[in-house]
């Protein structure tokens, strides 16, 4: 039987990325890209 601590460690991995720092970087860069795209979109159509 797997101890609870090891089971939690296995489930704590992000689904698409190898580690949490990579997932955080993806979220931050995605947010920055959205802000930039919305900025140019509003400049173009204002």
N, C-alpha and C. Protein backbone atom coordinates (compact mmCIF):
# COMPACT_ATOMS: atom_id res chain seq x y z
N UNK A 1 0.84 -1.19 0.00
CA UNK A 1 0.00 0.00 0.00
C UNK A 1 0.88 1.24 0.00
N UNK A 2 0.49 2.27 -0.76
CA UNK A 2 1.27 3.50 -0.87
C UNK A 2 0.94 4.41 0.32
N UNK A 3 1.97 4.89 1.00
CA UNK A 3 1.71 5.84 2.09
C UNK A 3 1.04 7.11 1.56
N UNK A 4 0.30 7.77 2.43
CA UNK A 4 -0.47 8.95 2.03
C UNK A 4 0.43 10.06 1.51
N UNK A 5 1.59 10.27 2.11
CA UNK A 5 2.49 11.35 1.70
C UNK A 5 2.95 11.17 0.25
N UNK A 6 3.33 9.96 -0.13
CA UNK A 6 3.77 9.71 -1.49
C UNK A 6 2.61 9.87 -2.47
N UNK A 7 1.43 9.45 -2.08
CA UNK A 7 0.26 9.57 -2.94
C UNK A 7 -0.06 11.04 -3.20
N UNK A 8 0.06 11.89 -2.20
CA UNK A 8 -0.18 13.32 -2.39
C UNK A 8 0.87 13.93 -3.32
N UNK A 9 2.13 13.49 -3.21
CA UNK A 9 3.19 14.01 -4.08
C UNK A 9 2.92 13.66 -5.54
N UNK A 10 2.43 12.47 -5.80
CA UNK A 10 2.14 12.06 -7.17
C UNK A 10 0.98 12.88 -7.74
N UNK A 11 0.00 13.19 -6.93
CA UNK A 11 -1.17 13.94 -7.40
C UNK A 11 -0.91 15.43 -7.48
N UNK A 12 0.19 15.91 -6.94
CA UNK A 12 0.44 17.35 -6.93
C UNK A 12 1.14 17.83 -8.19
N UNK A 13 1.43 16.95 -9.14
CA UNK A 13 2.05 17.37 -10.39
C UNK A 13 1.01 18.03 -11.29
N UNK A 14 1.38 19.12 -11.98
CA UNK A 14 0.43 19.71 -12.92
C UNK A 14 0.21 18.77 -14.11
N UNK A 15 -0.97 18.79 -14.70
CA UNK A 15 -1.29 17.79 -15.72
C UNK A 15 -0.50 17.94 -17.03
N UNK A 16 -0.21 19.17 -17.49
CA UNK A 16 0.43 19.34 -18.79
C UNK A 16 1.91 19.66 -18.71
N UNK A 17 2.35 20.19 -17.61
CA UNK A 17 3.74 20.63 -17.48
C UNK A 17 4.47 19.72 -16.51
N UNK A 18 5.78 19.68 -16.63
CA UNK A 18 6.56 18.80 -15.78
C UNK A 18 6.68 19.26 -14.35
N UNK A 19 6.55 20.56 -14.12
CA UNK A 19 6.68 21.08 -12.76
C UNK A 19 5.81 22.32 -12.59
N UNK A 20 5.58 22.68 -11.34
CA UNK A 20 4.75 23.85 -11.07
C UNK A 20 5.37 25.15 -11.56
N UNK A 21 6.68 25.37 -11.43
CA UNK A 21 7.23 26.63 -11.97
C UNK A 21 6.97 26.81 -13.46
N UNK A 22 7.03 25.73 -14.24
CA UNK A 22 6.71 25.83 -15.66
C UNK A 22 5.25 26.21 -15.86
N UNK A 23 4.37 25.66 -15.07
CA UNK A 23 2.95 25.99 -15.18
C UNK A 23 2.72 27.45 -14.81
N UNK A 24 3.39 27.95 -13.77
CA UNK A 24 3.25 29.35 -13.37
C UNK A 24 3.77 30.28 -14.46
N UNK A 25 4.89 29.95 -15.06
CA UNK A 25 5.43 30.78 -16.15
C UNK A 25 4.47 30.81 -17.33
N UNK A 26 3.87 29.68 -17.65
CA UNK A 26 2.91 29.65 -18.75
C UNK A 26 1.74 30.57 -18.45
N UNK A 27 1.22 30.53 -17.24
CA UNK A 27 0.08 31.38 -16.88
C UNK A 27 0.46 32.85 -16.95
N UNK A 28 1.63 33.20 -16.43
CA UNK A 28 2.07 34.60 -16.45
C UNK A 28 2.26 35.09 -17.89
N UNK A 29 2.93 34.31 -18.71
CA UNK A 29 3.17 34.72 -20.09
C UNK A 29 1.87 34.78 -20.89
N UNK A 30 0.97 33.86 -20.63
CA UNK A 30 -0.33 33.89 -21.30
C UNK A 30 -1.11 35.15 -20.92
N UNK A 31 -1.07 35.52 -19.66
CA UNK A 31 -1.74 36.74 -19.20
C UNK A 31 -1.14 37.98 -19.86
N UNK A 32 0.18 38.06 -19.91
CA UNK A 32 0.85 39.20 -20.55
C UNK A 32 0.48 39.27 -22.04
N UNK A 33 0.46 38.13 -22.70
CA UNK A 33 0.10 38.11 -24.12
C UNK A 33 -1.34 38.58 -24.32
N UNK A 34 -2.25 38.18 -23.45
CA UNK A 34 -3.63 38.63 -23.56
C UNK A 34 -3.74 40.14 -23.37
N UNK A 35 -3.04 40.67 -22.39
CA UNK A 35 -3.09 42.11 -22.14
C UNK A 35 -2.58 42.87 -23.35
N UNK A 36 -1.46 42.42 -23.92
CA UNK A 36 -0.90 43.10 -25.09
C UNK A 36 -1.87 43.01 -26.27
N UNK A 37 -2.42 41.85 -26.51
CA UNK A 37 -3.35 41.70 -27.63
C UNK A 37 -4.60 42.56 -27.44
N UNK A 38 -5.15 42.60 -26.24
CA UNK A 38 -6.32 43.45 -26.00
C UNK A 38 -5.98 44.92 -26.12
N UNK A 39 -4.78 45.31 -25.73
CA UNK A 39 -4.35 46.70 -25.87
C UNK A 39 -4.35 47.09 -27.35
N UNK A 40 -3.71 46.29 -28.19
CA UNK A 40 -3.65 46.60 -29.61
C UNK A 40 -5.04 46.53 -30.26
N UNK A 41 -5.86 45.61 -29.82
CA UNK A 41 -7.21 45.50 -30.34
C UNK A 41 -8.01 46.77 -30.05
N UNK A 42 -7.92 47.28 -28.81
CA UNK A 42 -8.65 48.49 -28.47
C UNK A 42 -8.08 49.70 -29.18
N UNK A 43 -6.76 49.75 -29.39
CA UNK A 43 -6.16 50.86 -30.12
C UNK A 43 -6.64 50.85 -31.58
N UNK A 44 -6.73 49.67 -32.16
CA UNK A 44 -7.13 49.55 -33.55
C UNK A 44 -8.59 49.93 -33.76
N UNK A 45 -9.47 49.53 -32.86
CA UNK A 45 -10.91 49.75 -33.04
C UNK A 45 -11.47 50.89 -32.21
N UNK A 46 -10.62 51.77 -31.70
CA UNK A 46 -11.16 52.91 -30.93
C UNK A 46 -11.25 54.15 -31.79
